[in-house]
Amino acid sequence: MKYMQHDSQQFVKELGKAGGGISVVKRTMATYLLFPLLNRLLSWDKAWEIYDKEGQKILDLTVGLTHEQLFRRVLIPPLFGLEDNSRYYSVAMVTEHLLSVGTALMTRIPLLSRGEKLGRNVQITDVKPYKEIDEHILGDFAEFLASYRVQMENDIGDIHIDNTSAHPWFGEFNPKQWSVLGMVHQIVHRRQIEAILRQLR
């Protein structure tokens, strides 16, 4: 069964527009300092190892949640790396978003690594979880984490290839750089789930 997340118009009106992004200062710091530094310091394998561990942390955090806790939207304080529009989510919405982004990474990174040109760049609004969400979303996410890396790396070519696609906030990334971005994205949303759970308690 699937469930549609209901809005609180009070909170929706207070938040920024979907896809509006993070502040110019934080975006500049990430683009010219954080991501280049992490790309130099972390190997491809290490970035995906951290991505895996963060995914497992999310599954551990969500063990035993009731249906009401899983689907209840709460407003959390501002969080580094999280755009304002995303502060009013449920755990189910965060997990749906992570599954959408993870599936896109699994599909698009191998294509880039083989020198293929991608079509339309993914927009932030493409992966917003404003839709019906399956009640088994946590199980779906667990299945994805268990299988995505084998599926992706079976098709990987050159991770450092000079073939890029654009992130709507941070610019052009090659396959290796996308792996680092995916890792950071997983960390940000694990912290978001922790903040949601604090509010629920």
N, C-alpha and C. Protein backbone atom coordinates (compact mmCIF):
# COMPACT_ATOMS: atom_id res chain seq x y z
N MET A 1 0.84 -1.19 0.00
CA MET A 1 0.00 0.00 0.00
C MET A 1 0.87 1.24 0.00
N LYS A 2 0.41 2.29 -0.68
CA LYS A 2 1.16 3.54 -0.75
C LYS A 2 0.39 4.63 -0.02
N TYR A 3 1.16 5.59 0.53
CA TYR A 3 0.57 6.66 1.30
C TYR A 3 1.08 8.00 0.79
N MET A 4 0.15 8.95 0.69
CA MET A 4 0.52 10.30 0.30
C MET A 4 0.77 11.11 1.56
N GLN A 5 1.89 11.83 1.58
CA GLN A 5 2.22 12.67 2.73
C GLN A 5 1.39 13.94 2.67
N HIS A 6 0.74 14.29 3.76
CA HIS A 6 -0.10 15.47 3.80
C HIS A 6 0.69 16.68 4.28
N ASP A 7 0.33 17.84 3.74
CA ASP A 7 1.01 19.08 4.08
C ASP A 7 0.36 19.76 5.28
N SER A 8 1.17 20.48 6.03
CA SER A 8 0.68 21.51 6.94
C SER A 8 0.93 22.83 6.23
N GLN A 9 -0.13 23.50 5.81
CA GLN A 9 0.04 24.70 5.01
C GLN A 9 0.83 25.76 5.76
N GLN A 10 0.73 25.76 7.08
CA GLN A 10 1.50 26.72 7.87
C GLN A 10 2.99 26.55 7.61
N PHE A 11 3.48 25.31 7.70
CA PHE A 11 4.90 25.07 7.52
C PHE A 11 5.31 25.25 6.06
N VAL A 12 4.47 24.79 5.13
CA VAL A 12 4.79 24.87 3.71
C VAL A 12 5.01 26.32 3.29
N LYS A 13 4.17 27.22 3.80
CA LYS A 13 4.28 28.63 3.44
C LYS A 13 5.55 29.26 4.02
N GLU A 14 6.03 28.74 5.14
CA GLU A 14 7.20 29.30 5.79
C GLU A 14 8.51 28.86 5.12
N LEU A 15 8.48 27.76 4.40
CA LEU A 15 9.70 27.20 3.84
C LEU A 15 10.00 27.76 2.46
N GLY A 16 11.27 27.62 2.06
CA GLY A 16 11.68 28.05 0.74
C GLY A 16 11.11 27.16 -0.35
N LYS A 17 11.25 27.60 -1.58
CA LYS A 17 10.74 26.87 -2.74
C LYS A 17 11.56 25.59 -2.98
N ALA A 18 10.89 24.52 -3.38
CA ALA A 18 11.58 23.26 -3.70
C ALA A 18 12.61 23.50 -4.80
N GLY A 19 13.83 23.04 -4.55
CA GLY A 19 14.90 23.24 -5.52
C GLY A 19 15.61 24.55 -5.38
N GLY A 20 15.21 25.35 -4.37
CA GLY A 20 15.81 26.66 -4.19
C GLY A 20 17.27 26.62 -3.79
N GLY A 21 17.68 25.50 -3.21
CA GLY A 21 19.08 25.31 -2.89
C GLY A 21 19.49 25.83 -1.53
N ILE A 22 20.78 25.74 -1.26
CA ILE A 22 21.35 26.25 -0.03
C ILE A 22 21.88 27.65 -0.28
N SER A 23 22.34 28.32 0.76
CA SER A 23 22.79 29.70 0.62
C SER A 23 23.99 29.81 -0.32
N VAL A 24 24.18 30.99 -0.88
CA VAL A 24 25.30 31.22 -1.80
C VAL A 24 26.63 30.96 -1.10
N VAL A 25 26.74 31.36 0.15
CA VAL A 25 27.98 31.17 0.89
C VAL A 25 28.27 29.68 1.06
N LYS A 26 27.27 28.91 1.49
CA LYS A 26 27.47 27.48 1.70
C LYS A 26 27.70 26.76 0.37
N ARG A 27 27.03 27.19 -0.66
CA ARG A 27 27.22 26.58 -1.98
C ARG A 27 28.64 26.83 -2.48
N THR A 28 29.13 28.04 -2.29
CA THR A 28 30.49 28.38 -2.71
C THR A 28 31.52 27.58 -1.92
N MET A 29 31.31 27.47 -0.62
CA MET A 29 32.23 26.67 0.22
C MET A 29 32.27 25.23 -0.24
N ALA A 30 31.11 24.66 -0.52
CA ALA A 30 31.06 23.26 -0.95
C ALA A 30 31.71 23.07 -2.31
N THR A 31 31.45 23.99 -3.23
CA THR A 31 31.94 23.85 -4.60
C THR A 31 33.45 24.00 -4.69
N TYR A 32 34.00 24.97 -3.98
CA TYR A 32 35.42 25.31 -4.16
C TYR A 32 36.33 24.85 -3.03
N LEU A 33 35.74 24.35 -1.94
CA LEU A 33 36.57 23.90 -0.83
C LEU A 33 36.26 22.45 -0.43
N LEU A 34 35.02 22.21 -0.02
CA LEU A 34 34.67 20.90 0.53
C LEU A 34 34.82 19.78 -0.49
N PHE A 35 34.16 19.89 -1.64
CA PHE A 35 34.19 18.78 -2.59
C PHE A 35 35.58 18.57 -3.21
N PRO A 36 36.32 19.61 -3.60
CA PRO A 36 37.67 19.36 -4.11
C PRO A 36 38.58 18.70 -3.06
N LEU A 37 38.43 19.12 -1.78
CA LEU A 37 39.26 18.53 -0.73
C LEU A 37 38.92 17.05 -0.54
N LEU A 38 37.64 16.74 -0.44
CA LEU A 38 37.23 15.35 -0.26
C LEU A 38 37.62 14.49 -1.46
N ASN A 39 37.54 15.06 -2.64
CA ASN A 39 37.90 14.30 -3.84
C ASN A 39 39.38 13.93 -3.85
N ARG A 40 40.21 14.81 -3.29
CA ARG A 40 41.65 14.50 -3.20
C ARG A 40 41.94 13.50 -2.08
N LEU A 41 41.23 13.62 -0.98
CA LEU A 41 41.54 12.81 0.19
C LEU A 41 40.97 11.40 0.14
N LEU A 42 39.82 11.23 -0.52
CA LEU A 42 39.11 9.95 -0.48
C LEU A 42 39.23 9.20 -1.80
N SER A 43 39.46 7.93 -1.70
CA SER A 43 39.45 7.08 -2.89
C SER A 43 38.01 6.75 -3.28
N TRP A 44 37.86 6.23 -4.46
CA TRP A 44 36.55 5.75 -4.93
C TRP A 44 35.97 4.74 -3.95
N ASP A 45 36.78 3.74 -3.55
CA ASP A 45 36.29 2.70 -2.64
C ASP A 45 35.92 3.27 -1.28
N LYS A 46 36.72 4.21 -0.78
CA LYS A 46 36.43 4.77 0.55
C LYS A 46 35.14 5.58 0.53
N ALA A 47 34.92 6.33 -0.53
CA ALA A 47 33.68 7.12 -0.62
C ALA A 47 32.46 6.21 -0.59
N TRP A 48 32.52 5.10 -1.31
CA TRP A 48 31.37 4.18 -1.32
C TRP A 48 31.28 3.39 -0.02
N GLU A 49 32.41 3.14 0.63
CA GLU A 49 32.37 2.47 1.93
C GLU A 49 31.63 3.34 2.95
N ILE A 50 31.92 4.65 2.94
CA ILE A 50 31.22 5.56 3.85
C ILE A 50 29.75 5.66 3.47
N TYR A 51 29.47 5.71 2.17
CA TYR A 51 28.08 5.73 1.70
C TYR A 51 27.32 4.51 2.26
N ASP A 52 27.93 3.34 2.16
CA ASP A 52 27.32 2.11 2.68
C ASP A 52 27.07 2.21 4.18
N LYS A 53 28.08 2.66 4.92
CA LYS A 53 27.96 2.74 6.38
C LYS A 53 26.86 3.71 6.80
N GLU A 54 26.77 4.83 6.09
CA GLU A 54 25.73 5.80 6.40
C GLU A 54 24.34 5.22 6.11
N GLY A 55 24.24 4.46 5.03
CA GLY A 55 22.97 3.80 4.74
C GLY A 55 22.58 2.81 5.82
N GLN A 56 23.56 2.07 6.33
CA GLN A 56 23.27 1.11 7.40
C GLN A 56 22.89 1.84 8.68
N LYS A 57 23.52 2.97 8.96
CA LYS A 57 23.14 3.77 10.12
C LYS A 57 21.67 4.18 10.03
N ILE A 58 21.24 4.55 8.83
CA ILE A 58 19.85 4.95 8.63
C ILE A 58 18.92 3.78 8.93
N LEU A 59 19.26 2.60 8.43
CA LEU A 59 18.43 1.43 8.71
C LEU A 59 18.40 1.13 10.21
N ASP A 60 19.54 1.27 10.87
CA ASP A 60 19.58 1.03 12.32
C ASP A 60 18.73 2.04 13.08
N LEU A 61 18.78 3.30 12.64
CA LEU A 61 18.00 4.35 13.30
C LEU A 61 16.50 4.11 13.19
N THR A 62 16.09 3.48 12.11
CA THR A 62 14.65 3.36 11.83
C THR A 62 14.05 2.03 12.27
N VAL A 63 14.85 1.18 12.87
CA VAL A 63 14.32 -0.09 13.37
C VAL A 63 13.23 0.17 14.41
N GLY A 64 12.09 -0.48 14.24
CA GLY A 64 11.04 -0.40 15.24
C GLY A 64 10.13 0.80 15.14
N LEU A 65 10.31 1.65 14.13
CA LEU A 65 9.40 2.79 13.98
C LEU A 65 7.99 2.31 13.66
N THR A 66 7.01 2.94 14.26
CA THR A 66 5.62 2.64 13.93
C THR A 66 5.29 3.30 12.59
N HIS A 67 4.15 2.90 12.03
CA HIS A 67 3.71 3.52 10.78
C HIS A 67 3.55 5.02 10.97
N GLU A 68 2.99 5.43 12.09
CA GLU A 68 2.76 6.85 12.35
C GLU A 68 4.08 7.60 12.45
N GLN A 69 5.07 7.00 13.10
CA GLN A 69 6.38 7.64 13.22
C GLN A 69 7.09 7.71 11.87
N LEU A 70 6.92 6.69 11.08
CA LEU A 70 7.58 6.64 9.78
C LEU A 70 7.04 7.71 8.83
N PHE A 71 5.75 7.96 8.88
CA PHE A 71 5.12 8.85 7.91
C PHE A 71 4.76 10.23 8.46
N ARG A 72 5.02 10.48 9.70
CA ARG A 72 4.68 11.78 10.28
C ARG A 72 5.71 12.84 9.88
N ARG A 73 5.25 13.92 9.26
CA ARG A 73 6.12 15.02 8.88
C ARG A 73 6.34 15.95 10.08
N VAL A 74 7.59 16.33 10.30
CA VAL A 74 7.91 17.27 11.37
C VAL A 74 8.87 18.33 10.82
N LEU A 75 8.83 19.50 11.41
CA LEU A 75 9.72 20.59 11.02
C LEU A 75 10.96 20.54 11.88
N ILE A 76 12.13 20.46 11.24
CA ILE A 76 13.40 20.43 11.97
C ILE A 76 14.13 21.76 11.80
N PRO A 77 15.07 22.08 12.69
CA PRO A 77 15.86 23.30 12.54
C PRO A 77 16.73 23.24 11.29
N PRO A 78 17.24 24.39 10.84
CA PRO A 78 18.16 24.39 9.69
C PRO A 78 19.33 23.45 9.92
N LEU A 79 19.75 22.78 8.85
CA LEU A 79 20.80 21.77 8.92
C LEU A 79 21.78 22.01 7.78
N PHE A 80 23.08 21.99 8.07
CA PHE A 80 24.08 22.26 7.04
C PHE A 80 23.92 21.28 5.87
N GLY A 81 23.84 21.82 4.66
CA GLY A 81 23.73 21.00 3.46
C GLY A 81 22.31 20.69 3.06
N LEU A 82 21.33 21.06 3.89
CA LEU A 82 19.93 20.75 3.61
C LEU A 82 19.21 22.02 3.22
N GLU A 83 18.56 22.00 2.05
CA GLU A 83 17.83 23.21 1.66
C GLU A 83 16.59 23.39 2.53
N ASP A 84 16.17 24.63 2.64
CA ASP A 84 15.09 24.99 3.55
C ASP A 84 13.82 24.19 3.27
N ASN A 85 13.51 23.97 2.01
CA ASN A 85 12.28 23.27 1.64
C ASN A 85 12.22 21.85 2.19
N SER A 86 13.38 21.25 2.44
CA SER A 86 13.44 19.86 2.88
C SER A 86 13.36 19.71 4.40
N ARG A 87 13.17 20.80 5.12
CA ARG A 87 13.15 20.70 6.59
C ARG A 87 11.83 20.16 7.15
N TYR A 88 10.82 20.03 6.29
CA TYR A 88 9.53 19.53 6.75
C TYR A 88 9.24 18.20 6.05
N TYR A 89 9.91 17.15 6.50
CA TYR A 89 9.82 15.81 5.91
C TYR A 89 9.47 14.80 7.01
N SER A 90 9.06 13.64 6.56
CA SER A 90 8.96 12.46 7.42
C SER A 90 10.18 11.58 7.15
N VAL A 91 10.38 10.58 8.01
CA VAL A 91 11.45 9.61 7.76
C VAL A 91 11.20 8.90 6.43
N ALA A 92 9.95 8.58 6.14
CA ALA A 92 9.62 7.92 4.88
C ALA A 92 10.00 8.79 3.69
N MET A 93 9.77 10.09 3.79
CA MET A 93 10.11 10.99 2.69
C MET A 93 11.61 11.06 2.48
N VAL A 94 12.38 11.13 3.56
CA VAL A 94 13.84 11.16 3.42
C VAL A 94 14.33 9.88 2.76
N THR A 95 13.79 8.76 3.20
CA THR A 95 14.23 7.47 2.66
C THR A 95 13.86 7.33 1.19
N GLU A 96 12.67 7.78 0.83
CA GLU A 96 12.26 7.77 -0.58
C GLU A 96 13.21 8.63 -1.41
N HIS A 97 13.57 9.79 -0.89
CA HIS A 97 14.51 10.67 -1.59
C HIS A 97 15.86 9.98 -1.78
N LEU A 98 16.37 9.34 -0.73
CA LEU A 98 17.65 8.65 -0.82
C LEU A 98 17.61 7.51 -1.83
N LEU A 99 16.50 6.82 -1.87
CA LEU A 99 16.35 5.73 -2.83
C LEU A 99 16.34 6.27 -4.26
N SER A 100 15.65 7.38 -4.49
CA SER A 100 15.60 7.98 -5.82
C SER A 100 16.98 8.45 -6.25
N VAL A 101 17.68 9.13 -5.35
CA VAL A 101 19.02 9.62 -5.70
C VAL A 101 19.99 8.46 -5.88
N GLY A 102 19.93 7.47 -5.01
CA GLY A 102 20.82 6.32 -5.14
C GLY A 102 20.62 5.57 -6.45
N THR A 103 19.37 5.42 -6.85
CA THR A 103 19.08 4.74 -8.12
C THR A 103 19.62 5.54 -9.29
N ALA A 104 19.50 6.87 -9.22
CA ALA A 104 20.04 7.72 -10.28
C ALA A 104 21.56 7.60 -10.35
N LEU A 105 22.23 7.60 -9.20
CA LEU A 105 23.69 7.45 -9.18
C LEU A 105 24.11 6.11 -9.78
N MET A 106 23.40 5.05 -9.40
CA MET A 106 23.72 3.71 -9.88
C MET A 106 23.58 3.62 -11.40
N THR A 107 22.65 4.38 -11.95
CA THR A 107 22.41 4.36 -13.39
C THR A 107 23.36 5.28 -14.16
N ARG A 108 23.56 6.48 -13.63
CA ARG A 108 24.24 7.52 -14.39
C ARG A 108 25.76 7.47 -14.27
N ILE A 109 26.30 7.07 -13.10
CA ILE A 109 27.75 7.03 -12.94
C ILE A 109 28.40 6.05 -13.92
N PRO A 110 27.91 4.82 -14.07
CA PRO A 110 28.52 3.92 -15.06
C PRO A 110 28.47 4.48 -16.49
N LEU A 111 27.38 5.13 -16.86
CA LEU A 111 27.29 5.71 -18.20
C LEU A 111 28.37 6.77 -18.40
N LEU A 112 28.54 7.65 -17.42
CA LEU A 112 29.60 8.65 -17.50
C LEU A 112 30.97 8.00 -17.62
N SER A 113 31.21 6.95 -16.83
CA SER A 113 32.53 6.31 -16.80
C SER A 113 32.87 5.63 -18.12
N ARG A 114 31.87 5.33 -18.89
CA ARG A 114 32.09 4.70 -20.20
C ARG A 114 32.10 5.73 -21.34
N GLY A 115 32.08 7.00 -20.96
CA GLY A 115 32.20 8.06 -21.96
C GLY A 115 30.90 8.44 -22.64
N GLU A 116 29.79 7.94 -22.13
CA GLU A 116 28.51 8.26 -22.75
C GLU A 116 28.01 9.62 -22.26
N LYS A 117 27.37 10.34 -23.15
CA LYS A 117 26.79 11.62 -22.80
C LYS A 117 25.37 11.40 -22.29
N LEU A 118 25.09 11.98 -21.14
CA LEU A 118 23.77 11.83 -20.56
C LEU A 118 22.81 12.84 -21.17
N GLY A 119 21.55 12.52 -21.07
CA GLY A 119 20.53 13.44 -21.56
C GLY A 119 20.34 14.58 -20.59
N ARG A 120 19.12 14.95 -20.38
CA ARG A 120 18.78 16.06 -19.50
C ARG A 120 19.37 15.84 -18.10
N ASN A 121 19.99 16.88 -17.57
CA ASN A 121 20.53 16.79 -16.21
C ASN A 121 19.39 16.67 -15.21
N VAL A 122 19.63 15.88 -14.18
CA VAL A 122 18.63 15.71 -13.12
C VAL A 122 18.48 17.02 -12.36
N GLN A 123 17.24 17.40 -12.09
CA GLN A 123 16.95 18.59 -11.30
C GLN A 123 16.55 18.18 -9.88
N ILE A 124 16.76 19.08 -8.93
CA ILE A 124 16.42 18.78 -7.54
C ILE A 124 14.95 18.38 -7.41
N THR A 125 14.09 19.06 -8.14
CA THR A 125 12.66 18.76 -8.05
C THR A 125 12.31 17.37 -8.58
N ASP A 126 13.21 16.78 -9.39
CA ASP A 126 12.95 15.43 -9.92
C ASP A 126 12.98 14.37 -8.81
N VAL A 127 13.75 14.64 -7.75
CA VAL A 127 13.92 13.63 -6.69
C VAL A 127 13.29 14.07 -5.37
N LYS A 128 12.42 15.07 -5.42
CA LYS A 128 11.67 15.46 -4.22
C LYS A 128 10.59 14.40 -3.96
N PRO A 129 10.42 14.00 -2.70
CA PRO A 129 9.49 12.89 -2.38
C PRO A 129 8.05 13.34 -2.15
N TYR A 130 7.58 14.27 -2.98
CA TYR A 130 6.20 14.73 -2.85
C TYR A 130 5.30 13.85 -3.71
N LYS A 131 5.12 12.63 -3.27
CA LYS A 131 4.34 11.65 -4.02
C LYS A 131 3.91 10.55 -3.07
N GLU A 132 3.17 9.61 -3.58
CA GLU A 132 2.79 8.46 -2.76
C GLU A 132 4.04 7.62 -2.46
N ILE A 133 4.14 7.18 -1.21
CA ILE A 133 5.30 6.41 -0.78
C ILE A 133 4.83 5.05 -0.26
N ASP A 134 5.50 4.01 -0.71
CA ASP A 134 5.11 2.66 -0.32
C ASP A 134 5.38 2.44 1.17
N GLU A 135 4.49 1.72 1.82
CA GLU A 135 4.67 1.44 3.25
C GLU A 135 5.91 0.60 3.53
N HIS A 136 6.44 -0.05 2.50
CA HIS A 136 7.64 -0.88 2.65
C HIS A 136 8.90 -0.14 2.22
N ILE A 137 8.89 1.18 2.31
CA ILE A 137 10.02 1.97 1.81
C ILE A 137 11.33 1.61 2.50
N LEU A 138 11.30 1.31 3.78
CA LEU A 138 12.55 0.95 4.47
C LEU A 138 13.11 -0.36 3.93
N GLY A 139 12.23 -1.32 3.65
CA GLY A 139 12.68 -2.58 3.06
C GLY A 139 13.22 -2.37 1.65
N ASP A 140 12.58 -1.49 0.89
CA ASP A 140 13.07 -1.18 -0.46
C ASP A 140 14.46 -0.56 -0.40
N PHE A 141 14.65 0.33 0.56
CA PHE A 141 15.96 0.97 0.71
C PHE A 141 17.02 -0.05 1.13
N ALA A 142 16.67 -0.96 2.01
CA ALA A 142 17.59 -2.01 2.44
C ALA A 142 17.99 -2.90 1.26
N GLU A 143 17.02 -3.26 0.43
CA GLU A 143 17.32 -4.08 -0.76
C GLU A 143 18.25 -3.33 -1.71
N PHE A 144 18.01 -2.04 -1.88
CA PHE A 144 18.88 -1.24 -2.74
C PHE A 144 20.32 -1.25 -2.21
N LEU A 145 20.49 -0.99 -0.91
CA LEU A 145 21.83 -0.95 -0.34
C LEU A 145 22.56 -2.29 -0.48
N ALA A 146 21.81 -3.38 -0.44
CA ALA A 146 22.42 -4.70 -0.51
C ALA A 146 22.90 -5.06 -1.91
N SER A 147 22.37 -4.37 -2.94
CA SER A 147 22.65 -4.82 -4.30
C SER A 147 23.23 -3.76 -5.23
N TYR A 148 23.11 -2.48 -4.89
CA TYR A 148 23.41 -1.44 -5.87
C TYR A 148 24.88 -1.44 -6.30
N ARG A 149 25.78 -1.68 -5.36
CA ARG A 149 27.19 -1.50 -5.70
C ARG A 149 27.68 -2.56 -6.67
N VAL A 150 27.26 -3.79 -6.49
CA VAL A 150 27.63 -4.85 -7.42
C VAL A 150 27.09 -4.54 -8.81
N GLN A 151 25.82 -4.12 -8.86
CA GLN A 151 25.21 -3.80 -10.15
C GLN A 151 25.93 -2.64 -10.83
N MET A 152 26.26 -1.62 -10.04
CA MET A 152 26.91 -0.44 -10.62
C MET A 152 28.32 -0.76 -11.10
N GLU A 153 29.11 -1.42 -10.27
CA GLU A 153 30.51 -1.59 -10.60
C GLU A 153 30.75 -2.64 -11.67
N ASN A 154 29.75 -3.44 -11.97
CA ASN A 154 29.87 -4.36 -13.11
C ASN A 154 29.98 -3.59 -14.43
N ASP A 155 29.51 -2.34 -14.42
CA ASP A 155 29.48 -1.55 -15.65
C ASP A 155 30.44 -0.36 -15.63
N ILE A 156 31.32 -0.28 -14.61
CA ILE A 156 32.18 0.88 -14.46
C ILE A 156 33.37 0.82 -15.42
N GLY A 157 33.65 1.99 -16.03
CA GLY A 157 34.82 2.13 -16.88
C GLY A 157 35.90 2.93 -16.16
N ASP A 158 36.19 4.13 -16.65
CA ASP A 158 37.22 5.01 -16.09
C ASP A 158 36.54 6.01 -15.15
N ILE A 159 36.81 5.90 -13.83
CA ILE A 159 36.12 6.79 -12.88
C ILE A 159 36.65 8.21 -12.93
N HIS A 160 37.85 8.40 -13.51
CA HIS A 160 38.44 9.74 -13.60
C HIS A 160 38.28 10.36 -14.99
N ILE A 161 37.51 9.76 -15.83
CA ILE A 161 37.33 10.21 -17.21
C ILE A 161 36.87 11.67 -17.25
N ASP A 162 37.30 12.35 -18.28
CA ASP A 162 36.89 13.75 -18.46
C ASP A 162 35.53 13.79 -19.17
N ASN A 163 34.56 13.21 -18.49
CA ASN A 163 33.18 13.21 -18.99
C ASN A 163 32.29 13.51 -17.79
N THR A 164 31.55 14.57 -17.85
CA THR A 164 30.85 15.05 -16.67
C THR A 164 29.36 15.26 -16.93
N SER A 165 28.64 15.37 -15.84
CA SER A 165 27.27 15.86 -15.87
C SER A 165 27.11 16.83 -14.72
N ALA A 166 26.14 17.72 -14.85
CA ALA A 166 26.05 18.83 -13.92
C ALA A 166 25.09 18.55 -12.77
N HIS A 167 25.54 18.90 -11.57
CA HIS A 167 24.64 19.00 -10.43
C HIS A 167 24.06 20.41 -10.45
N PRO A 168 22.77 20.56 -10.17
CA PRO A 168 22.14 21.89 -10.31
C PRO A 168 22.70 22.95 -9.37
N TRP A 169 23.37 22.55 -8.28
CA TRP A 169 23.93 23.53 -7.35
C TRP A 169 25.44 23.67 -7.48
N PHE A 170 26.13 22.56 -7.76
CA PHE A 170 27.58 22.53 -7.59
C PHE A 170 28.38 22.40 -8.88
N GLY A 171 27.72 22.31 -10.01
CA GLY A 171 28.44 22.28 -11.27
C GLY A 171 28.76 20.89 -11.78
N GLU A 172 29.77 20.80 -12.65
CA GLU A 172 30.09 19.58 -13.39
C GLU A 172 30.92 18.61 -12.54
N PHE A 173 30.49 17.33 -12.53
CA PHE A 173 31.21 16.28 -11.81
C PHE A 173 31.47 15.10 -12.73
N ASN A 174 32.68 14.49 -12.59
CA ASN A 174 32.96 13.23 -13.27
C ASN A 174 32.52 12.07 -12.36
N PRO A 175 32.68 10.81 -12.78
CA PRO A 175 32.18 9.69 -11.96
C PRO A 175 32.74 9.67 -10.55
N LYS A 176 34.05 9.87 -10.39
CA LYS A 176 34.65 9.87 -9.05
C LYS A 176 34.06 10.98 -8.19
N GLN A 177 33.92 12.15 -8.76
CA GLN A 177 33.37 13.28 -8.01
C GLN A 177 31.91 13.04 -7.62
N TRP A 178 31.16 12.38 -8.48
CA TRP A 178 29.78 12.03 -8.14
C TRP A 178 29.75 11.05 -6.98
N SER A 179 30.74 10.16 -6.89
CA SER A 179 30.76 9.22 -5.77
C SER A 179 30.95 9.96 -4.45
N VAL A 180 31.79 10.98 -4.45
CA VAL A 180 32.01 11.78 -3.25
C VAL A 180 30.75 12.57 -2.91
N LEU A 181 30.13 13.14 -3.91
CA LEU A 181 28.88 13.87 -3.66
C LEU A 181 27.81 12.94 -3.09
N GLY A 182 27.70 11.72 -3.63
CA GLY A 182 26.74 10.75 -3.10
C GLY A 182 26.99 10.43 -1.65
N MET A 183 28.26 10.32 -1.27
CA MET A 183 28.63 10.06 0.13
C MET A 183 28.18 11.21 1.03
N VAL A 184 28.49 12.44 0.63
CA VAL A 184 28.11 13.61 1.42
C VAL A 184 26.59 13.70 1.54
N HIS A 185 25.91 13.44 0.44
CA HIS A 185 24.45 13.48 0.42
C HIS A 185 23.87 12.47 1.42
N GLN A 186 24.45 11.30 1.48
CA GLN A 186 23.98 10.27 2.42
C GLN A 186 24.18 10.72 3.87
N ILE A 187 25.30 11.37 4.14
CA ILE A 187 25.58 11.86 5.49
C ILE A 187 24.58 12.95 5.88
N VAL A 188 24.35 13.88 4.99
CA VAL A 188 23.41 14.98 5.28
C VAL A 188 22.04 14.44 5.65
N HIS A 189 21.57 13.46 4.88
CA HIS A 189 20.21 12.98 5.13
C HIS A 189 20.14 11.99 6.29
N ARG A 190 21.25 11.34 6.62
CA ARG A 190 21.27 10.57 7.88
C ARG A 190 21.11 11.52 9.05
N ARG A 191 21.78 12.66 9.00
CA ARG A 191 21.65 13.66 10.06
C ARG A 191 20.23 14.24 10.08
N GLN A 192 19.62 14.36 8.92
CA GLN A 192 18.23 14.83 8.87
C GLN A 192 17.30 13.86 9.58
N ILE A 193 17.47 12.56 9.33
CA ILE A 193 16.64 11.56 9.99
C ILE A 193 16.85 11.61 11.50
N GLU A 194 18.08 11.78 11.94
CA GLU A 194 18.33 11.91 13.37
C GLU A 194 17.57 13.11 13.95
N ALA A 195 17.56 14.21 13.21
CA ALA A 195 16.84 15.40 13.68
C ALA A 195 15.34 15.16 13.72
N ILE A 196 14.81 14.46 12.74
CA ILE A 196 13.38 14.13 12.74
C ILE A 196 13.04 13.26 13.94
N LEU A 197 13.86 12.26 14.21
CA LEU A 197 13.59 11.36 15.31
C LEU A 197 13.64 12.10 16.66
N ARG A 198 14.53 13.08 16.77
CA ARG A 198 14.56 13.88 17.99
C ARG A 198 13.25 14.64 18.18
N GLN A 199 12.72 15.16 17.09
CA GLN A 199 11.46 15.89 17.16
C GLN A 199 10.29 14.94 17.51
N LEU A 200 10.32 13.74 16.96
CA LEU A 200 9.26 12.78 17.24
C LEU A 200 9.26 12.35 18.70
N ARG A 201 10.41 12.35 19.32
CA ARG A 201 10.50 11.95 20.72
C ARG A 201 10.09 13.08 21.68
